[in-house]
Amino acid sequence: MQLKPINQRTDEAKSADAPDNVFTAVTDYDKIEGDFKNLTVPSFLDWWDMNPKFKWGAVVLGVLSVAVFLAGGRRIS
């Protein structure tokens, strides 16, 4: 049994001004962000990227907190 590809064909002729984007971009359809930009959900990581001082401050605070915890609450001298 031989399989033949199914091609979608119509009896209507294609007009001369119909868009064809096989080798070039279709005019007025040069979207970069697409239609779903308003559906993106911002993350807290976006805020970290926009505020690097707070991000690195939180990293330093976390490292110091771990150091104090591992020291058993004793004063580091």
PDB file of N, CA and C in Angstrom:
ATOM      1  N   MET A   1       0.850  -1.173   0.000  1.00  0.00           N
ATOM      2  CA  MET A   1       0.000   0.000   0.000  1.00  0.00           C
ATOM      3  C   MET A   1       0.895   1.234   0.000  1.00  0.00           C
ATOM      4  N   GLN A   2       0.602   2.116  -0.879  1.00  0.00           N
ATOM      5  CA  GLN A   2       1.422   3.309  -1.030  1.00  0.00           C
ATOM      6  C   GLN A   2       0.651   4.519  -0.500  1.00  0.00           C
ATOM      7  N   LEU A   3       1.326   5.334   0.333  1.00  0.00           N
ATOM      8  CA  LEU A   3       0.681   6.525   0.883  1.00  0.00           C
ATOM      9  C   LEU A   3       0.981   7.724   0.001  1.00  0.00           C
ATOM     10  N   LYS A   4      -0.050   8.485  -0.264  1.00  0.00           N
ATOM     11  CA  LYS A   4       0.118   9.696  -1.059  1.00  0.00           C
ATOM     12  C   LYS A   4      -0.115  10.898  -0.145  1.00  0.00           C
ATOM     13  N   PRO A   5       0.675  11.920  -0.255  1.00  0.00           N
ATOM     14  CA  PRO A   5       0.434  13.111   0.567  1.00  0.00           C
ATOM     15  C   PRO A   5      -0.877  13.777   0.172  1.00  0.00           C
ATOM     16  N   ILE A   6      -1.550  14.293   1.179  1.00  0.00           N
ATOM     17  CA  ILE A   6      -2.814  14.981   0.935  1.00  0.00           C
ATOM     18  C   ILE A   6      -2.514  16.465   0.835  1.00  0.00           C
ATOM     19  N   ASN A   7      -2.755  17.036  -0.303  1.00  0.00           N
ATOM     20  CA  ASN A   7      -2.530  18.462  -0.514  1.00  0.00           C
ATOM     21  C   ASN A   7      -3.865  19.183  -0.507  1.00  0.00           C
ATOM     22  N   GLN A   8      -3.875  20.345   0.113  1.00  0.00           N
ATOM     23  CA  GLN A   8      -5.098  21.126   0.123  1.00  0.00           C
ATOM     24  C   GLN A   8      -5.123  21.978  -1.131  1.00  0.00           C
ATOM     25  N   ARG A   9      -6.071  21.721  -1.951  1.00  0.00           N
ATOM     26  CA  ARG A   9      -6.207  22.445  -3.211  1.00  0.00           C
ATOM     27  C   ARG A   9      -7.626  22.978  -3.316  1.00  0.00           C
ATOM     28  N   THR A  10      -7.753  24.100  -3.961  1.00  0.00           N
ATOM     29  CA  THR A  10      -9.074  24.653  -4.250  1.00  0.00           C
ATOM     30  C   THR A  10      -9.184  24.874  -5.748  1.00  0.00           C
ATOM     31  N   ASP A  11     -10.413  25.047  -6.179  1.00  0.00           N
ATOM     32  CA  ASP A  11     -10.649  25.314  -7.596  1.00  0.00           C
ATOM     33  C   ASP A  11     -10.511  26.798  -7.911  1.00  0.00           C
ATOM     34  N   GLU A  12     -10.406  27.630  -6.853  1.00  0.00           N
ATOM     35  CA  GLU A  12     -10.316  29.071  -7.072  1.00  0.00           C
ATOM     36  C   GLU A  12      -8.885  29.458  -7.425  1.00  0.00           C
ATOM     37  N   ALA A  13      -8.771  30.300  -8.412  1.00  0.00           N
ATOM     38  CA  ALA A  13      -7.446  30.780  -8.811  1.00  0.00           C
ATOM     39  C   ALA A  13      -6.953  31.831  -7.824  1.00  0.00           C
ATOM     40  N   LYS A  14      -5.663  31.879  -7.621  1.00  0.00           N
ATOM     41  CA  LYS A  14      -5.064  32.855  -6.712  1.00  0.00           C
ATOM     42  C   LYS A  14      -4.954  34.191  -7.432  1.00  0.00           C
ATOM     43  N   SER A  15      -5.379  35.250  -6.747  1.00  0.00           N
ATOM     44  CA  SER A  15      -5.317  36.569  -7.374  1.00  0.00           C
ATOM     45  C   SER A  15      -3.871  37.043  -7.464  1.00  0.00           C
ATOM     46  N   ALA A  16      -3.625  38.000  -8.320  1.00  0.00           N
ATOM     47  CA  ALA A  16      -2.265  38.495  -8.545  1.00  0.00           C
ATOM     48  C   ALA A  16      -1.721  39.241  -7.332  1.00  0.00           C
ATOM     49  N   ASP A  17      -2.600  39.867  -6.530  1.00  0.00           N
ATOM     50  CA  ASP A  17      -2.129  40.628  -5.374  1.00  0.00           C
ATOM     51  C   ASP A  17      -2.226  39.834  -4.064  1.00  0.00           C
ATOM     52  N   ALA A  18      -2.442  38.541  -4.127  1.00  0.00           N
ATOM     53  CA  ALA A  18      -2.503  37.712  -2.920  1.00  0.00           C
ATOM     54  C   ALA A  18      -1.101  37.594  -2.314  1.00  0.00           C
ATOM     55  N   PRO A  19      -0.992  37.641  -0.979  1.00  0.00           N
ATOM     56  CA  PRO A  19       0.338  37.568  -0.359  1.00  0.00           C
ATOM     57  C   PRO A  19       0.953  36.179  -0.507  1.00  0.00           C
ATOM     58  N   ASP A  20       2.256  36.169  -0.661  1.00  0.00           N
ATOM     59  CA  ASP A  20       3.001  34.924  -0.762  1.00  0.00           C
ATOM     60  C   ASP A  20       4.283  35.111   0.047  1.00  0.00           C
ATOM     61  N   ASN A  21       4.382  34.428   1.175  1.00  0.00           N
ATOM     62  CA  ASN A  21       5.533  34.631   2.047  1.00  0.00           C
ATOM     63  C   ASN A  21       6.497  33.454   2.017  1.00  0.00           C
ATOM     64  N   VAL A  22       6.635  32.830   0.882  1.00  0.00           N
ATOM     65  CA  VAL A  22       7.553  31.705   0.796  1.00  0.00           C
ATOM     66  C   VAL A  22       8.997  32.177   0.935  1.00  0.00           C
ATOM     67  N   PHE A  23       9.349  33.255   0.247  1.00  0.00           N
ATOM     68  CA  PHE A  23      10.732  33.722   0.270  1.00  0.00           C
ATOM     69  C   PHE A  23      10.898  35.113   0.867  1.00  0.00           C
ATOM     70  N   THR A  24       9.835  35.862   1.019  1.00  0.00           N
ATOM     71  CA  THR A  24       9.915  37.205   1.596  1.00  0.00           C
ATOM     72  C   THR A  24       8.834  37.366   2.651  1.00  0.00           C
ATOM     73  N   ALA A  25       9.017  38.350   3.505  1.00  0.00           N
ATOM     74  CA  ALA A  25       8.036  38.616   4.550  1.00  0.00           C
ATOM     75  C   ALA A  25       6.799  39.266   3.958  1.00  0.00           C
ATOM     76  N   VAL A  26       5.661  38.959   4.543  1.00  0.00           N
ATOM     77  CA  VAL A  26       4.418  39.570   4.112  1.00  0.00           C
ATOM     78  C   VAL A  26       4.385  40.992   4.650  1.00  0.00           C
ATOM     79  N   THR A  27       4.067  41.949   3.815  1.00  0.00           N
ATOM     80  CA  THR A  27       4.025  43.350   4.217  1.00  0.00           C
ATOM     81  C   THR A  27       2.962  43.553   5.296  1.00  0.00           C
ATOM     82  N   ASP A  28       3.251  44.417   6.249  1.00  0.00           N
ATOM     83  CA  ASP A  28       2.355  44.754   7.362  1.00  0.00           C
ATOM     84  C   ASP A  28       2.120  43.578   8.307  1.00  0.00           C
ATOM     85  N   TYR A  29       2.981  42.608   8.297  1.00  0.00           N
ATOM     86  CA  TYR A  29       2.862  41.506   9.242  1.00  0.00           C
ATOM     87  C   TYR A  29       4.223  41.248   9.884  1.00  0.00           C
ATOM     88  N   ASP A  30       4.922  42.337  10.193  1.00  0.00           N
ATOM     89  CA  ASP A  30       6.258  42.241  10.770  1.00  0.00           C
ATOM     90  C   ASP A  30       6.192  42.419  12.283  1.00  0.00           C
ATOM     91  N   LYS A  31       5.577  41.478  12.955  1.00  0.00           N
ATOM     92  CA  LYS A  31       5.426  41.545  14.403  1.00  0.00           C
ATOM     93  C   LYS A  31       6.603  40.863  15.072  1.00  0.00           C
ATOM     94  N   ILE A  32       7.132  41.501  16.098  1.00  0.00           N
ATOM     95  CA  ILE A  32       8.242  40.923  16.839  1.00  0.00           C
ATOM     96  C   ILE A  32       7.732  40.240  18.104  1.00  0.00           C
ATOM     97  N   GLU A  33       6.848  40.904  18.824  1.00  0.00           N
ATOM     98  CA  GLU A  33       6.393  40.381  20.102  1.00  0.00           C
ATOM     99  C   GLU A  33       5.183  39.468  19.974  1.00  0.00           C
ATOM    100  N   GLY A  34       4.508  39.489  18.855  1.00  0.00           N
ATOM    101  CA  GLY A  34       3.356  38.619  18.675  1.00  0.00           C
ATOM    102  C   GLY A  34       2.103  39.204  19.288  1.00  0.00           C
ATOM    103  N   ASP A  35       1.064  38.394  19.305  1.00  0.00           N
ATOM    104  CA  ASP A  35      -0.235  38.831  19.805  1.00  0.00           C
ATOM    105  C   ASP A  35      -0.431  38.525  21.280  1.00  0.00           C
ATOM    106  N   PHE A  36       0.523  37.889  21.922  1.00  0.00           N
ATOM    107  CA  PHE A  36       0.324  37.415  23.280  1.00  0.00           C
ATOM    108  C   PHE A  36       1.107  38.201  24.322  1.00  0.00           C
ATOM    109  N   LYS A  37       1.549  39.410  23.997  1.00  0.00           N
ATOM    110  CA  LYS A  37       2.346  40.193  24.944  1.00  0.00           C
ATOM    111  C   LYS A  37       1.559  40.506  26.217  1.00  0.00           C
ATOM    112  N   ASN A  38       0.263  40.786  26.075  1.00  0.00           N
ATOM    113  CA  ASN A  38      -0.530  41.137  27.250  1.00  0.00           C
ATOM    114  C   ASN A  38      -0.864  39.913  28.099  1.00  0.00           C
ATOM    115  N   LEU A  39      -0.531  38.717  27.652  1.00  0.00           N
ATOM    116  CA  LEU A  39      -0.825  37.514  28.412  1.00  0.00           C
ATOM    117  C   LEU A  39       0.366  37.020  29.222  1.00  0.00           C
ATOM    118  N   THR A  40       1.511  37.677  29.108  1.00  0.00           N
ATOM    119  CA  THR A  40       2.674  37.229  29.860  1.00  0.00           C
ATOM    120  C   THR A  40       2.503  37.563  31.335  1.00  0.00           C
ATOM    121  N   VAL A  41       2.924  36.658  32.173  1.00  0.00           N
ATOM    122  CA  VAL A  41       2.802  36.845  33.615  1.00  0.00           C
ATOM    123  C   VAL A  41       4.168  37.257  34.148  1.00  0.00           C
ATOM    124  N   PRO A  42       4.276  38.464  34.715  1.00  0.00           N
ATOM    125  CA  PRO A  42       5.575  38.886  35.242  1.00  0.00           C
ATOM    126  C   PRO A  42       5.950  38.058  36.472  1.00  0.00           C
ATOM    127  N   SER A  43       7.212  37.860  36.639  1.00  0.00           N
ATOM    128  CA  SER A  43       7.720  37.076  37.755  1.00  0.00           C
ATOM    129  C   SER A  43       8.513  37.984  38.688  1.00  0.00           C
ATOM    130  N   PHE A  44       8.712  37.531  39.917  1.00  0.00           N
ATOM    131  CA  PHE A  44       9.541  38.317  40.833  1.00  0.00           C
ATOM    132  C   PHE A  44      10.978  38.355  40.344  1.00  0.00           C
ATOM    133  N   LEU A  45      11.366  37.395  39.525  1.00  0.00           N
ATOM    134  CA  LEU A  45      12.725  37.401  38.985  1.00  0.00           C
ATOM    135  C   LEU A  45      12.944  38.584  38.051  1.00  0.00           C
ATOM    136  N   ASP A  46      11.875  39.052  37.399  1.00  0.00           N
ATOM    137  CA  ASP A  46      11.989  40.251  36.572  1.00  0.00           C
ATOM    138  C   ASP A  46      12.354  41.451  37.441  1.00  0.00           C
ATOM    139  N   TRP A  47      11.748  41.544  38.617  1.00  0.00           N
ATOM    140  CA  TRP A  47      12.034  42.653  39.521  1.00  0.00           C
ATOM    141  C   TRP A  47      13.484  42.576  39.991  1.00  0.00           C
ATOM    142  N   TRP A  48      13.973  41.357  40.284  1.00  0.00           N
ATOM    143  CA  TRP A  48      15.371  41.196  40.689  1.00  0.00           C
ATOM    144  C   TRP A  48      16.300  41.678  39.588  1.00  0.00           C
ATOM    145  N   ASP A  49      15.980  41.363  38.342  1.00  0.00           N
ATOM    146  CA  ASP A  49      16.841  41.774  37.229  1.00  0.00           C
ATOM    147  C   ASP A  49      16.841  43.285  37.036  1.00  0.00           C
ATOM    148  N   MET A  50      15.722  43.934  37.364  1.00  0.00           N
ATOM    149  CA  MET A  50      15.646  45.388  37.198  1.00  0.00           C
ATOM    150  C   MET A  50      16.260  46.136  38.380  1.00  0.00           C
ATOM    151  N   ASN A  51      16.476  45.452  39.500  1.00  0.00           N
ATOM    152  CA  ASN A  51      17.036  46.079  40.703  1.00  0.00           C
ATOM    153  C   ASN A  51      18.229  45.269  41.206  1.00  0.00           C
ATOM    154  N   PRO A  52      19.367  45.362  40.529  1.00  0.00           N
ATOM    155  CA  PRO A  52      20.509  44.522  40.912  1.00  0.00           C
ATOM    156  C   PRO A  52      21.073  44.840  42.301  1.00  0.00           C
ATOM    157  N   LYS A  53      20.941  46.084  42.770  1.00  0.00           N
ATOM    158  CA  LYS A  53      21.453  46.412  44.109  1.00  0.00           C
ATOM    159  C   LYS A  53      20.704  45.619  45.174  1.00  0.00           C
ATOM    160  N   PHE A  54      19.388  45.543  45.041  1.00  0.00           N
ATOM    161  CA  PHE A  54      18.603  44.777  46.009  1.00  0.00           C
ATOM    162  C   PHE A  54      18.893  43.283  45.892  1.00  0.00           C
ATOM    163  N   LYS A  55      19.103  42.826  44.661  1.00  0.00           N
ATOM    164  CA  LYS A  55      19.389  41.403  44.454  1.00  0.00           C
ATOM    165  C   LYS A  55      20.679  41.016  45.162  1.00  0.00           C
ATOM    166  N   TRP A  56      21.748  41.774  44.942  1.00  0.00           N
ATOM    167  CA  TRP A  56      23.025  41.436  45.564  1.00  0.00           C
ATOM    168  C   TRP A  56      22.998  41.699  47.063  1.00  0.00           C
ATOM    169  N   GLY A  57      22.209  42.686  47.498  1.00  0.00           N
ATOM    170  CA  GLY A  57      22.041  42.898  48.934  1.00  0.00           C
ATOM    171  C   GLY A  57      21.372  41.702  49.595  1.00  0.00           C
ATOM    172  N   ALA A  58      20.381  41.131  48.919  1.00  0.00           N
ATOM    173  CA  ALA A  58      19.712  39.947  49.453  1.00  0.00           C
ATOM    174  C   ALA A  58      20.652  38.745  49.468  1.00  0.00           C
ATOM    175  N   VAL A  59      21.506  38.634  48.464  1.00  0.00           N
ATOM    176  CA  VAL A  59      22.477  37.533  48.428  1.00  0.00           C
ATOM    177  C   VAL A  59      23.448  37.658  49.599  1.00  0.00           C
ATOM    178  N   VAL A  60      23.966  38.857  49.837  1.00  0.00           N
ATOM    179  CA  VAL A  60      24.902  39.076  50.950  1.00  0.00           C
ATOM    180  C   VAL A  60      24.207  38.814  52.280  1.00  0.00           C
ATOM    181  N   LEU A  61      22.978  39.287  52.426  1.00  0.00           N
ATOM    182  CA  LEU A  61      22.225  39.054  53.655  1.00  0.00           C
ATOM    183  C   LEU A  61      21.996  37.561  53.876  1.00  0.00           C
ATOM    184  N   GLY A  62      21.702  36.840  52.816  1.00  0.00           N
ATOM    185  CA  GLY A  62      21.511  35.396  52.930  1.00  0.00           C
ATOM    186  C   GLY A  62      22.781  34.680  53.341  1.00  0.00           C
ATOM    187  N   VAL A  63      23.908  35.070  52.757  1.00  0.00           N
ATOM    188  CA  VAL A  63      25.191  34.445  53.111  1.00  0.00           C
ATOM    189  C   VAL A  63      25.537  34.740  54.566  1.00  0.00           C
ATOM    190  N   LEU A  64      25.334  35.975  54.999  1.00  0.00           N
ATOM    191  CA  LEU A  64      25.606  36.315  56.403  1.00  0.00           C
ATOM    192  C   LEU A  64      24.677  35.564  57.348  1.00  0.00           C
ATOM    193  N   SER A  65      23.428  35.399  56.967  1.00  0.00           N
ATOM    194  CA  SER A  65      22.477  34.659  57.803  1.00  0.00           C
ATOM    195  C   SER A  65      22.895  33.204  57.947  1.00  0.00           C
ATOM    196  N   VAL A  66      23.341  32.599  56.859  1.00  0.00           N
ATOM    197  CA  VAL A  66      23.808  31.209  56.919  1.00  0.00           C
ATOM    198  C   VAL A  66      25.056  31.117  57.787  1.00  0.00           C
ATOM    199  N   ALA A  67      25.956  32.086  57.687  1.00  0.00           N
ATOM    200  CA  ALA A  67      27.173  32.071  58.503  1.00  0.00           C
ATOM    201  C   ALA A  67      26.834  32.179  59.983  1.00  0.00           C
ATOM    202  N   VAL A  68      25.887  33.040  60.338  1.00  0.00           N
ATOM    203  CA  VAL A  68      25.484  33.187  61.745  1.00  0.00           C
ATOM    204  C   VAL A  68      24.800  31.913  62.224  1.00  0.00           C
ATOM    205  N   PHE A  69      23.974  31.321  61.380  1.00  0.00           N
ATOM    206  CA  PHE A  69      23.291  30.088  61.761  1.00  0.00           C
ATOM    207  C   PHE A  69      24.286  28.957  61.994  1.00  0.00           C
ATOM    208  N   LEU A  70      25.263  28.826  61.104  1.00  0.00           N
ATOM    209  CA  LEU A  70      26.259  27.765  61.254  1.00  0.00           C
ATOM    210  C   LEU A  70      27.177  28.005  62.442  1.00  0.00           C
ATOM    211  N   ALA A  71      27.356  29.258  62.826  1.00  0.00           N
ATOM    212  CA  ALA A  71      28.180  29.568  63.998  1.00  0.00           C
ATOM    213  C   ALA A  71      27.414  29.286  65.285  1.00  0.00           C
ATOM    214  N   GLY A  72      26.159  28.923  65.177  1.00  0.00           N
ATOM    215  CA  GLY A  72      25.369  28.579  66.357  1.00  0.00           C
ATOM    216  C   GLY A  72      24.909  29.787  67.139  1.00  0.00           C
ATOM    217  N   GLY A  73      24.838  30.920  66.503  1.00  0.00           N
ATOM    218  CA  GLY A  73      24.393  32.114  67.190  1.00  0.00           C
ATOM    219  C   GLY A  73      25.480  32.765  68.018  1.00  0.00           C
ATOM    220  N   ARG A  74      26.665  32.183  68.047  1.00  0.00           N
ATOM    221  CA  ARG A  74      27.769  32.787  68.792  1.00  0.00           C
ATOM    222  C   ARG A  74      28.258  34.012  68.044  1.00  0.00           C
ATOM    223  N   ARG A  75      28.884  34.878  68.748  1.00  0.00           N
ATOM    224  CA  ARG A  75      29.472  36.057  68.111  1.00  0.00           C
ATOM    225  C   ARG A  75      30.699  35.644  67.332  1.00  0.00           C
ATOM    226  N   ILE A  76      30.772  36.127  66.131  1.00  0.00           N
ATOM    227  CA  ILE A  76      31.943  35.853  65.310  1.00  0.00           C
ATOM    228  C   ILE A  76      32.972  36.932  65.609  1.00  0.00           C
ATOM    229  N   SER A  77      34.144  36.526  66.137  1.00  0.00           N
ATOM    230  CA  SER A  77      35.152  37.525  66.490  1.00  0.00           C
ATOM    231  C   SER A  77      36.464  37.252  65.815  1.00  0.00           C
TER     232      SER A  77
END
